[in-house]
Amino acid sequence: QIACALVEGIRDIGLDCLPWSQEATGWRQRVLCFRQATGNGPDLSDSCLFETLEEWLRPYLAGLSRVQHLKSLDMLAILKAQLDWASIQAMDKQVPSHFTVPSGSSIRIDYTDLTAPVLPVKLQEMFGATETPSIIDGAIALSIHLLSPAGRTLQITQDLQAFWRNAYPQVKAEMKGRYPKHPWPDNP
């Protein structure tokens, strides 16, 4: 009865009363991106989660008696419990949380825009890359936000080859004087 009352309280307050960590929100966005692109995977949209609170959240409310106790919930574990182990592994492969760039750095992918996830990376770290990074077996090209050495956006592209060919010479000319200690090769 207490768990049922908590579910009703969450319905009244909204899903925002749940302790959404950055990891849980990121996982949810990755699953939503995969679902939108392929039609597969669980529906973790606000509307679906709200409608099915009893199914996915109620089992985790045992022993809790107040809305304040919800802070103890591990939302990432609760969301991942909606999938089996093989599906979680497939999800990590198809919509990874990070992408390893040519410099060797592992950069977090921002899935806020489900149709064009963003890879914010310093331009120098992409030297050597000839193809635009993609996810879901090449179905979605990442939106690459190429950053200056100071972390400011220089260029946004989903076509890395066109950037190297057309825009890079101008970016190089502008940035070489501003950041002389950083490499600006003719053939990146």
N, C-alpha and C. Protein backbone atom coordinates (compact mmCIF):
# COMPACT_ATOMS: atom_id res chain seq x y z
N GLN A 1 0.82 -1.20 0.00
CA GLN A 1 0.00 0.00 0.00
C GLN A 1 0.86 1.26 0.00
N ILE A 2 1.98 1.21 0.75
CA ILE A 2 2.87 2.37 0.80
C ILE A 2 3.51 2.58 -0.58
N ALA A 3 3.93 1.48 -1.22
CA ALA A 3 4.53 1.59 -2.55
C ALA A 3 3.53 2.16 -3.55
N CYS A 4 2.28 1.74 -3.45
CA CYS A 4 1.23 2.28 -4.33
C CYS A 4 1.02 3.78 -4.08
N ALA A 5 1.06 4.17 -2.82
CA ALA A 5 0.91 5.59 -2.47
C ALA A 5 2.10 6.40 -3.01
N LEU A 6 3.30 5.83 -2.92
CA LEU A 6 4.47 6.53 -3.48
C LEU A 6 4.35 6.69 -4.99
N VAL A 7 3.88 5.66 -5.67
CA VAL A 7 3.68 5.76 -7.12
C VAL A 7 2.70 6.89 -7.43
N GLU A 8 1.61 6.95 -6.68
CA GLU A 8 0.63 8.03 -6.90
C GLU A 8 1.24 9.40 -6.60
N GLY A 9 2.07 9.46 -5.56
CA GLY A 9 2.76 10.72 -5.24
C GLY A 9 3.68 11.15 -6.37
N ILE A 10 4.39 10.19 -6.96
CA ILE A 10 5.27 10.49 -8.09
C ILE A 10 4.44 10.96 -9.28
N ARG A 11 3.28 10.34 -9.48
CA ARG A 11 2.39 10.79 -10.56
C ARG A 11 1.97 12.25 -10.35
N ASP A 12 1.68 12.60 -9.10
CA ASP A 12 1.26 13.98 -8.81
C ASP A 12 2.40 14.97 -8.99
N ILE A 13 3.59 14.60 -8.52
CA ILE A 13 4.73 15.50 -8.54
C ILE A 13 5.40 15.53 -9.92
N GLY A 14 5.50 14.37 -10.55
CA GLY A 14 6.18 14.24 -11.84
C GLY A 14 7.48 13.46 -11.71
N LEU A 15 8.00 13.03 -12.84
CA LEU A 15 9.22 12.22 -12.85
C LEU A 15 10.45 12.97 -12.35
N ASP A 16 10.37 14.29 -12.33
CA ASP A 16 11.53 15.08 -11.88
C ASP A 16 11.85 14.88 -10.40
N CYS A 17 10.92 14.31 -9.64
CA CYS A 17 11.21 14.08 -8.22
C CYS A 17 12.13 12.88 -8.02
N LEU A 18 12.36 12.11 -9.09
CA LEU A 18 13.26 10.97 -9.01
C LEU A 18 14.71 11.45 -9.14
N PRO A 19 15.65 10.75 -8.52
CA PRO A 19 17.05 11.20 -8.53
C PRO A 19 17.78 10.85 -9.82
N TRP A 20 17.54 11.62 -10.87
CA TRP A 20 18.17 11.37 -12.17
C TRP A 20 19.62 11.83 -12.14
N SER A 21 20.55 10.89 -12.10
CA SER A 21 21.97 11.23 -12.16
C SER A 21 22.34 11.54 -13.61
N GLN A 22 23.51 12.11 -13.80
CA GLN A 22 24.00 12.39 -15.15
C GLN A 22 24.14 11.08 -15.93
N GLU A 23 24.59 10.03 -15.27
CA GLU A 23 24.76 8.73 -15.93
C GLU A 23 23.41 8.15 -16.35
N ALA A 24 22.41 8.24 -15.46
CA ALA A 24 21.08 7.70 -15.78
C ALA A 24 20.45 8.48 -16.93
N THR A 25 20.58 9.79 -16.90
CA THR A 25 20.03 10.62 -17.98
C THR A 25 20.73 10.31 -19.29
N GLY A 26 22.07 10.17 -19.24
CA GLY A 26 22.83 9.84 -20.44
C GLY A 26 22.45 8.48 -21.01
N TRP A 27 22.28 7.50 -20.15
CA TRP A 27 21.87 6.16 -20.59
C TRP A 27 20.50 6.23 -21.25
N ARG A 28 19.59 6.94 -20.63
CA ARG A 28 18.23 7.08 -21.15
C ARG A 28 18.26 7.73 -22.54
N GLN A 29 19.07 8.77 -22.72
CA GLN A 29 19.16 9.44 -24.02
C GLN A 29 19.75 8.51 -25.07
N ARG A 30 20.71 7.69 -24.68
CA ARG A 30 21.30 6.73 -25.62
C ARG A 30 20.26 5.71 -26.08
N VAL A 31 19.47 5.19 -25.14
CA VAL A 31 18.44 4.22 -25.48
C VAL A 31 17.38 4.86 -26.38
N LEU A 32 17.01 6.10 -26.06
CA LEU A 32 16.02 6.81 -26.89
C LEU A 32 16.55 7.05 -28.30
N CYS A 33 17.82 7.39 -28.42
CA CYS A 33 18.45 7.59 -29.74
C CYS A 33 18.41 6.30 -30.54
N PHE A 34 18.79 5.20 -29.90
CA PHE A 34 18.77 3.90 -30.57
C PHE A 34 17.36 3.53 -31.00
N ARG A 35 16.39 3.73 -30.12
CA ARG A 35 15.00 3.40 -30.43
C ARG A 35 14.47 4.25 -31.59
N GLN A 36 14.81 5.53 -31.58
CA GLN A 36 14.34 6.42 -32.63
C GLN A 36 14.93 6.03 -33.98
N ALA A 37 16.20 5.60 -33.99
CA ALA A 37 16.87 5.26 -35.24
C ALA A 37 16.49 3.88 -35.77
N THR A 38 16.22 2.94 -34.86
CA THR A 38 16.00 1.55 -35.30
C THR A 38 14.60 1.01 -35.03
N GLY A 39 13.89 1.63 -34.10
CA GLY A 39 12.58 1.10 -33.72
C GLY A 39 12.68 -0.01 -32.70
N ASN A 40 13.90 -0.33 -32.26
CA ASN A 40 14.13 -1.39 -31.28
C ASN A 40 14.51 -0.81 -29.93
N GLY A 41 14.40 -1.63 -28.90
CA GLY A 41 14.77 -1.20 -27.55
C GLY A 41 13.57 -0.70 -26.78
N PRO A 42 13.73 -0.60 -25.47
CA PRO A 42 12.60 -0.17 -24.64
C PRO A 42 12.29 1.32 -24.84
N ASP A 43 11.04 1.68 -24.60
CA ASP A 43 10.62 3.08 -24.69
C ASP A 43 10.84 3.72 -23.32
N LEU A 44 11.85 4.56 -23.22
CA LEU A 44 12.16 5.24 -21.97
C LEU A 44 11.79 6.72 -22.03
N SER A 45 10.82 7.04 -22.88
CA SER A 45 10.36 8.43 -22.99
C SER A 45 9.62 8.81 -21.70
N ASP A 46 9.52 10.10 -21.44
CA ASP A 46 8.81 10.57 -20.25
C ASP A 46 7.40 10.01 -20.19
N SER A 47 6.69 10.08 -21.32
CA SER A 47 5.29 9.63 -21.32
C SER A 47 5.17 8.15 -21.01
N CYS A 48 6.03 7.33 -21.59
CA CYS A 48 5.96 5.89 -21.34
C CYS A 48 6.36 5.56 -19.91
N LEU A 49 7.43 6.19 -19.42
CA LEU A 49 7.84 5.94 -18.03
C LEU A 49 6.74 6.37 -17.06
N PHE A 50 6.10 7.47 -17.35
CA PHE A 50 5.03 7.97 -16.49
C PHE A 50 3.84 7.00 -16.47
N GLU A 51 3.48 6.50 -17.65
CA GLU A 51 2.33 5.59 -17.75
C GLU A 51 2.59 4.24 -17.11
N THR A 52 3.85 3.80 -17.09
CA THR A 52 4.16 2.45 -16.62
C THR A 52 4.93 2.45 -15.30
N LEU A 53 4.74 3.47 -14.48
CA LEU A 53 5.45 3.57 -13.20
C LEU A 53 5.34 2.30 -12.36
N GLU A 54 4.13 1.74 -12.31
CA GLU A 54 3.91 0.55 -11.48
C GLU A 54 4.79 -0.60 -11.92
N GLU A 55 4.98 -0.75 -13.22
CA GLU A 55 5.74 -1.88 -13.75
C GLU A 55 7.24 -1.76 -13.48
N TRP A 56 7.82 -0.61 -13.79
CA TRP A 56 9.27 -0.51 -13.73
C TRP A 56 9.82 0.06 -12.43
N LEU A 57 9.01 0.82 -11.69
CA LEU A 57 9.55 1.46 -10.48
C LEU A 57 9.03 0.84 -9.18
N ARG A 58 7.81 0.40 -9.16
CA ARG A 58 7.21 -0.09 -7.91
C ARG A 58 8.04 -1.16 -7.21
N PRO A 59 8.64 -2.12 -7.94
CA PRO A 59 9.45 -3.14 -7.24
C PRO A 59 10.62 -2.55 -6.44
N TYR A 60 11.07 -1.36 -6.80
CA TYR A 60 12.22 -0.75 -6.12
C TYR A 60 11.80 0.15 -4.96
N LEU A 61 10.50 0.26 -4.73
CA LEU A 61 10.00 1.14 -3.67
C LEU A 61 9.80 0.42 -2.34
N ALA A 62 10.07 -0.88 -2.32
CA ALA A 62 9.91 -1.64 -1.08
C ALA A 62 10.79 -1.06 0.02
N GLY A 63 10.21 -0.80 1.16
CA GLY A 63 10.94 -0.27 2.30
C GLY A 63 11.01 1.25 2.34
N LEU A 64 10.59 1.90 1.28
CA LEU A 64 10.57 3.37 1.25
C LEU A 64 9.18 3.84 1.67
N SER A 65 9.13 4.93 2.42
CA SER A 65 7.82 5.39 2.88
C SER A 65 7.56 6.88 2.63
N ARG A 66 8.57 7.61 2.19
CA ARG A 66 8.40 9.04 1.97
C ARG A 66 9.03 9.43 0.63
N VAL A 67 8.55 10.51 0.07
CA VAL A 67 9.10 11.00 -1.19
C VAL A 67 10.60 11.31 -1.03
N GLN A 68 11.01 11.77 0.15
CA GLN A 68 12.42 12.07 0.39
C GLN A 68 13.30 10.82 0.27
N HIS A 69 12.72 9.66 0.54
CA HIS A 69 13.48 8.41 0.47
C HIS A 69 13.82 8.03 -0.97
N LEU A 70 13.16 8.65 -1.94
CA LEU A 70 13.43 8.33 -3.34
C LEU A 70 14.87 8.66 -3.73
N LYS A 71 15.51 9.56 -2.97
CA LYS A 71 16.89 9.94 -3.26
C LYS A 71 17.84 8.74 -3.22
N SER A 72 17.44 7.69 -2.53
CA SER A 72 18.32 6.52 -2.40
C SER A 72 18.24 5.60 -3.62
N LEU A 73 17.33 5.86 -4.54
CA LEU A 73 17.17 4.99 -5.71
C LEU A 73 18.33 5.17 -6.69
N ASP A 74 18.79 4.06 -7.27
CA ASP A 74 19.81 4.08 -8.31
C ASP A 74 19.09 4.00 -9.66
N MET A 75 18.80 5.16 -10.24
CA MET A 75 18.00 5.20 -11.46
C MET A 75 18.68 4.51 -12.63
N LEU A 76 20.00 4.57 -12.71
CA LEU A 76 20.70 3.90 -13.79
C LEU A 76 20.48 2.39 -13.71
N ALA A 77 20.63 1.82 -12.54
CA ALA A 77 20.42 0.38 -12.37
C ALA A 77 18.97 0.00 -12.66
N ILE A 78 18.04 0.86 -12.24
CA ILE A 78 16.62 0.59 -12.48
C ILE A 78 16.32 0.60 -13.97
N LEU A 79 16.87 1.57 -14.70
CA LEU A 79 16.64 1.64 -16.14
C LEU A 79 17.30 0.46 -16.86
N LYS A 80 18.52 0.12 -16.46
CA LYS A 80 19.21 -0.99 -17.12
C LYS A 80 18.51 -2.32 -16.86
N ALA A 81 17.77 -2.40 -15.76
CA ALA A 81 17.04 -3.64 -15.44
C ALA A 81 15.92 -3.90 -16.45
N GLN A 82 15.59 -2.90 -17.26
CA GLN A 82 14.54 -3.07 -18.28
C GLN A 82 15.05 -3.89 -19.47
N LEU A 83 16.36 -4.12 -19.53
CA LEU A 83 16.97 -4.86 -20.63
C LEU A 83 17.72 -6.07 -20.10
N ASP A 84 17.88 -7.08 -20.94
CA ASP A 84 18.70 -8.22 -20.54
C ASP A 84 20.17 -7.90 -20.84
N TRP A 85 21.07 -8.76 -20.37
CA TRP A 85 22.52 -8.52 -20.49
C TRP A 85 22.94 -8.35 -21.95
N ALA A 86 22.44 -9.20 -22.83
CA ALA A 86 22.82 -9.13 -24.25
C ALA A 86 22.37 -7.80 -24.86
N SER A 87 21.19 -7.33 -24.47
CA SER A 87 20.69 -6.05 -24.99
C SER A 87 21.53 -4.88 -24.49
N ILE A 88 21.97 -4.95 -23.25
CA ILE A 88 22.82 -3.89 -22.69
C ILE A 88 24.15 -3.87 -23.44
N GLN A 89 24.73 -5.04 -23.72
CA GLN A 89 25.98 -5.11 -24.47
C GLN A 89 25.81 -4.56 -25.88
N ALA A 90 24.69 -4.91 -26.52
CA ALA A 90 24.42 -4.41 -27.87
C ALA A 90 24.24 -2.89 -27.85
N MET A 91 23.57 -2.40 -26.83
CA MET A 91 23.34 -0.96 -26.70
C MET A 91 24.68 -0.23 -26.54
N ASP A 92 25.57 -0.78 -25.71
CA ASP A 92 26.88 -0.15 -25.50
C ASP A 92 27.70 -0.13 -26.79
N LYS A 93 27.50 -1.13 -27.64
CA LYS A 93 28.22 -1.18 -28.90
C LYS A 93 27.60 -0.23 -29.93
N GLN A 94 26.29 -0.22 -30.02
CA GLN A 94 25.59 0.57 -31.03
C GLN A 94 25.54 2.07 -30.72
N VAL A 95 25.33 2.41 -29.45
CA VAL A 95 25.26 3.82 -29.02
C VAL A 95 26.20 3.99 -27.82
N PRO A 96 27.50 4.03 -28.09
CA PRO A 96 28.48 4.10 -27.01
C PRO A 96 28.42 5.43 -26.27
N SER A 97 28.84 5.41 -25.03
CA SER A 97 28.86 6.64 -24.24
C SER A 97 30.05 7.51 -24.63
N HIS A 98 31.13 6.88 -25.11
CA HIS A 98 32.36 7.59 -25.47
C HIS A 98 32.84 7.14 -26.86
N PHE A 99 33.63 7.99 -27.46
CA PHE A 99 34.25 7.67 -28.75
C PHE A 99 35.75 7.93 -28.62
N THR A 100 36.58 6.99 -29.07
CA THR A 100 38.03 7.17 -29.03
C THR A 100 38.48 7.85 -30.32
N VAL A 101 39.06 9.04 -30.17
CA VAL A 101 39.50 9.84 -31.31
C VAL A 101 40.94 9.46 -31.68
N PRO A 102 41.44 9.90 -32.85
CA PRO A 102 42.79 9.50 -33.29
C PRO A 102 43.91 9.80 -32.28
N SER A 103 43.74 10.82 -31.45
CA SER A 103 44.79 11.13 -30.46
C SER A 103 44.84 10.10 -29.34
N GLY A 104 43.80 9.26 -29.25
CA GLY A 104 43.74 8.26 -28.20
C GLY A 104 42.82 8.63 -27.05
N SER A 105 42.35 9.88 -27.03
CA SER A 105 41.44 10.32 -25.98
C SER A 105 40.06 9.69 -26.17
N SER A 106 39.43 9.39 -25.07
CA SER A 106 38.07 8.88 -25.08
C SER A 106 37.14 10.04 -24.73
N ILE A 107 36.33 10.47 -25.69
CA ILE A 107 35.50 11.66 -25.55
C ILE A 107 34.04 11.25 -25.37
N ARG A 108 33.37 11.84 -24.38
CA ARG A 108 31.96 11.55 -24.12
C ARG A 108 31.09 12.11 -25.25
N ILE A 109 30.16 11.31 -25.73
CA ILE A 109 29.20 11.72 -26.75
C ILE A 109 27.98 12.29 -26.05
N ASP A 110 27.52 13.44 -26.51
CA ASP A 110 26.33 14.09 -25.95
C ASP A 110 25.12 13.71 -26.79
N TYR A 111 24.19 12.96 -26.19
CA TYR A 111 23.01 12.48 -26.89
C TYR A 111 21.78 13.36 -26.67
N THR A 112 21.97 14.61 -26.27
CA THR A 112 20.83 15.49 -26.04
C THR A 112 20.00 15.63 -27.31
N ASP A 113 20.65 15.79 -28.47
CA ASP A 113 19.96 15.81 -29.76
C ASP A 113 19.97 14.37 -30.28
N LEU A 114 18.82 13.71 -30.23
CA LEU A 114 18.76 12.30 -30.58
C LEU A 114 19.05 12.03 -32.05
N THR A 115 18.82 13.01 -32.93
CA THR A 115 19.03 12.80 -34.36
C THR A 115 20.47 13.07 -34.78
N ALA A 116 21.20 13.86 -33.99
CA ALA A 116 22.60 14.18 -34.32
C ALA A 116 23.40 14.31 -33.04
N PRO A 117 23.74 13.19 -32.39
CA PRO A 117 24.55 13.26 -31.17
C PRO A 117 25.86 14.01 -31.43
N VAL A 118 26.32 14.71 -30.40
CA VAL A 118 27.47 15.61 -30.54
C VAL A 118 28.73 15.00 -29.95
N LEU A 119 29.82 15.12 -30.71
CA LEU A 119 31.15 14.75 -30.24
C LEU A 119 31.96 16.05 -30.15
N PRO A 120 32.08 16.62 -28.93
CA PRO A 120 32.87 17.85 -28.79
C PRO A 120 34.35 17.50 -28.60
N VAL A 121 35.19 17.86 -29.55
CA VAL A 121 36.59 17.43 -29.52
C VAL A 121 37.50 18.53 -30.05
N LYS A 122 38.67 18.67 -29.43
CA LYS A 122 39.63 19.65 -29.91
C LYS A 122 40.11 19.24 -31.30
N LEU A 123 40.22 20.22 -32.16
CA LEU A 123 40.59 19.98 -33.56
C LEU A 123 41.85 19.14 -33.69
N GLN A 124 42.88 19.44 -32.90
CA GLN A 124 44.14 18.71 -32.99
C GLN A 124 43.97 17.23 -32.67
N GLU A 125 42.98 16.88 -31.87
CA GLU A 125 42.78 15.48 -31.52
C GLU A 125 42.16 14.68 -32.66
N MET A 126 41.67 15.38 -33.68
CA MET A 126 41.07 14.70 -34.83
C MET A 126 42.04 14.56 -36.00
N PHE A 127 43.28 15.08 -35.85
CA PHE A 127 44.27 14.92 -36.92
C PHE A 127 44.44 13.43 -37.20
N GLY A 128 44.35 13.07 -38.45
CA GLY A 128 44.48 11.67 -38.85
C GLY A 128 43.13 11.02 -39.15
N ALA A 129 42.05 11.63 -38.72
CA ALA A 129 40.72 11.07 -38.99
C ALA A 129 40.29 11.46 -40.40
N THR A 130 39.91 10.48 -41.18
CA THR A 130 39.48 10.76 -42.54
C THR A 130 37.98 10.56 -42.73
N GLU A 131 37.36 9.81 -41.83
CA GLU A 131 35.93 9.56 -41.94
C GLU A 131 35.20 10.11 -40.73
N THR A 132 33.99 10.55 -40.96
CA THR A 132 33.16 11.08 -39.89
C THR A 132 32.74 9.94 -38.97
N PRO A 133 32.97 10.07 -37.67
CA PRO A 133 32.54 9.03 -36.73
C PRO A 133 31.02 8.86 -36.77
N SER A 134 30.57 7.63 -36.61
CA SER A 134 29.13 7.36 -36.64
C SER A 134 28.78 6.31 -35.59
N ILE A 135 27.49 6.16 -35.37
CA ILE A 135 26.97 5.16 -34.43
C ILE A 135 25.91 4.32 -35.14
N ILE A 136 25.46 3.30 -34.47
CA ILE A 136 24.43 2.39 -34.97
C ILE A 136 24.81 1.87 -36.36
N ASP A 137 25.99 1.27 -36.44
CA ASP A 137 26.51 0.68 -37.67
C ASP A 137 26.50 1.67 -38.84
N GLY A 138 26.85 2.92 -38.57
CA GLY A 138 26.95 3.93 -39.61
C GLY A 138 25.64 4.63 -39.94
N ALA A 139 24.56 4.30 -39.24
CA ALA A 139 23.25 4.90 -39.55
C ALA A 139 23.18 6.38 -39.19
N ILE A 140 23.90 6.80 -38.14
CA ILE A 140 23.84 8.19 -37.70
C ILE A 140 25.27 8.73 -37.59
N ALA A 141 25.56 9.77 -38.38
CA ALA A 141 26.86 10.43 -38.28
C ALA A 141 26.84 11.36 -37.07
N LEU A 142 27.91 11.33 -36.31
CA LEU A 142 28.00 12.23 -35.16
C LEU A 142 28.20 13.66 -35.65
N SER A 143 27.64 14.60 -34.93
CA SER A 143 27.87 16.02 -35.21
C SER A 143 29.15 16.39 -34.46
N ILE A 144 30.22 16.62 -35.21
CA ILE A 144 31.51 16.88 -34.59
C ILE A 144 31.64 18.38 -34.34
N HIS A 145 31.80 18.74 -33.08
CA HIS A 145 32.04 20.13 -32.71
C HIS A 145 33.55 20.25 -32.51
N LEU A 146 34.22 20.77 -33.52
CA LEU A 146 35.67 20.92 -33.48
C LEU A 146 36.00 22.16 -32.67
N LEU A 147 36.83 21.97 -31.64
CA LEU A 147 37.11 23.02 -30.68
C LEU A 147 38.54 23.56 -30.84
N SER A 148 38.70 24.81 -30.46
CA SER A 148 40.04 25.42 -30.42
C SER A 148 40.79 24.85 -29.23
N PRO A 149 42.10 25.13 -29.14
CA PRO A 149 42.85 24.68 -27.96
C PRO A 149 42.27 25.24 -26.65
N ALA A 150 41.54 26.36 -26.72
CA ALA A 150 40.91 26.94 -25.53
C ALA A 150 39.53 26.34 -25.26
N GLY A 151 39.07 25.44 -26.14
CA GLY A 151 37.78 24.79 -25.93
C GLY A 151 36.60 25.50 -26.55
N ARG A 152 36.85 26.50 -27.40
CA ARG A 152 35.76 27.21 -28.08
C ARG A 152 35.45 26.53 -29.42
N THR A 153 34.18 26.53 -29.80
CA THR A 153 33.78 25.88 -31.04
C THR A 153 34.32 26.65 -32.24
N LEU A 154 35.07 25.94 -33.09
CA LEU A 154 35.60 26.51 -34.33
C LEU A 154 34.71 26.17 -35.51
N GLN A 155 34.22 24.93 -35.53
CA GLN A 155 33.44 24.45 -36.66
C GLN A 155 32.57 23.29 -36.20
N ILE A 156 31.39 23.17 -36.79
CA ILE A 156 30.49 22.05 -36.55
C ILE A 156 30.29 21.35 -37.88
N THR A 157 30.52 20.04 -37.90
CA THR A 157 30.41 19.32 -39.17
C THR A 157 29.93 17.89 -38.95
N GLN A 158 29.27 17.37 -39.97
CA GLN A 158 28.95 15.95 -40.03
C GLN A 158 29.62 15.33 -41.25
N ASP A 159 30.53 16.09 -41.86
CA ASP A 159 31.29 15.63 -43.02
C ASP A 159 32.75 16.04 -42.82
N LEU A 160 33.51 15.19 -42.19
CA LEU A 160 34.89 15.50 -41.83
C LEU A 160 35.77 15.69 -43.07
N GLN A 161 35.56 14.87 -44.09
CA GLN A 161 36.36 15.01 -45.32
C GLN A 161 36.17 16.38 -45.94
N ALA A 162 34.93 16.84 -46.02
CA ALA A 162 34.66 18.17 -46.59
C ALA A 162 35.27 19.26 -45.71
N PHE A 163 35.25 19.06 -44.40
CA PHE A 163 35.87 20.06 -43.52
C PHE A 163 37.37 20.16 -43.79
N TRP A 164 38.06 19.02 -43.84
CA TRP A 164 39.51 19.05 -44.08
C TRP A 164 39.82 19.71 -45.42
N ARG A 165 39.02 19.40 -46.41
CA ARG A 165 39.26 19.90 -47.76
C ARG A 165 38.92 21.38 -47.91
N ASN A 166 37.78 21.82 -47.36
CA ASN A 166 37.27 23.16 -47.64
C ASN A 166 37.47 24.17 -46.51
N ALA A 167 37.14 23.82 -45.29
CA ALA A 167 37.14 24.80 -44.20
C ALA A 167 38.45 24.83 -43.41
N TYR A 168 39.16 23.71 -43.34
CA TYR A 168 40.36 23.66 -42.52
C TYR A 168 41.41 24.71 -42.91
N PRO A 169 41.69 24.93 -44.20
CA PRO A 169 42.71 25.94 -44.54
C PRO A 169 42.40 27.33 -43.96
N GLN A 170 41.13 27.70 -43.95
CA GLN A 170 40.75 29.00 -43.39
C GLN A 170 40.87 28.98 -41.86
N VAL A 171 40.41 27.91 -41.24
CA VAL A 171 40.51 27.78 -39.78
C VAL A 171 41.98 27.81 -39.37
N LYS A 172 42.80 27.08 -40.11
CA LYS A 172 44.24 27.04 -39.83
C LYS A 172 44.85 28.44 -39.92
N ALA A 173 44.50 29.19 -40.96
CA ALA A 173 45.04 30.54 -41.14
C ALA A 173 44.65 31.46 -39.98
N GLU A 174 43.41 31.33 -39.52
CA GLU A 174 42.94 32.18 -38.42
C GLU A 174 43.55 31.76 -37.08
N MET A 175 43.69 30.48 -36.85
CA MET A 175 44.09 29.98 -35.54
C MET A 175 45.61 29.88 -35.35
N LYS A 176 46.35 29.79 -36.45
CA LYS A 176 47.80 29.60 -36.35
C LYS A 176 48.45 30.76 -35.59
N GLY A 177 47.99 31.98 -35.85
CA GLY A 177 48.53 33.15 -35.15
C GLY A 177 48.08 33.23 -33.71
N ARG A 178 46.87 32.77 -33.46
CA ARG A 178 46.31 32.83 -32.11
C ARG A 178 46.88 31.76 -31.20
N TYR A 179 47.17 30.59 -31.77
CA TYR A 179 47.69 29.46 -30.99
C TYR A 179 48.95 28.93 -31.66
N PRO A 180 50.05 29.69 -31.62
CA PRO A 180 51.26 29.28 -32.35
C PRO A 180 51.95 28.04 -31.77
N LYS A 181 51.69 27.70 -30.50
CA LYS A 181 52.35 26.54 -29.90
C LYS A 181 51.68 25.22 -30.28
N HIS A 182 50.53 25.30 -30.92
CA HIS A 182 49.79 24.10 -31.29
C HIS A 182 50.06 23.76 -32.76
N PRO A 183 50.04 22.46 -33.09
CA PRO A 183 50.32 22.07 -34.48
C PRO A 183 49.16 22.45 -35.42
N TRP A 184 49.52 22.95 -36.58
CA TRP A 184 48.55 23.30 -37.64
C TRP A 184 49.12 22.79 -38.96
N PRO A 185 49.19 21.46 -39.15
CA PRO A 185 49.82 20.91 -40.37
C PRO A 185 49.03 21.23 -41.64
N ASP A 186 49.74 21.19 -42.76
CA ASP A 186 49.07 21.42 -44.03
C ASP A 186 48.15 20.25 -44.40
N ASN A 187 48.57 19.04 -44.03
CA ASN A 187 47.76 17.85 -44.33
C ASN A 187 47.42 17.14 -43.02
N PRO A 188 46.34 17.57 -42.37
CA PRO A 188 46.01 16.99 -41.04
C PRO A 188 45.47 15.58 -41.14
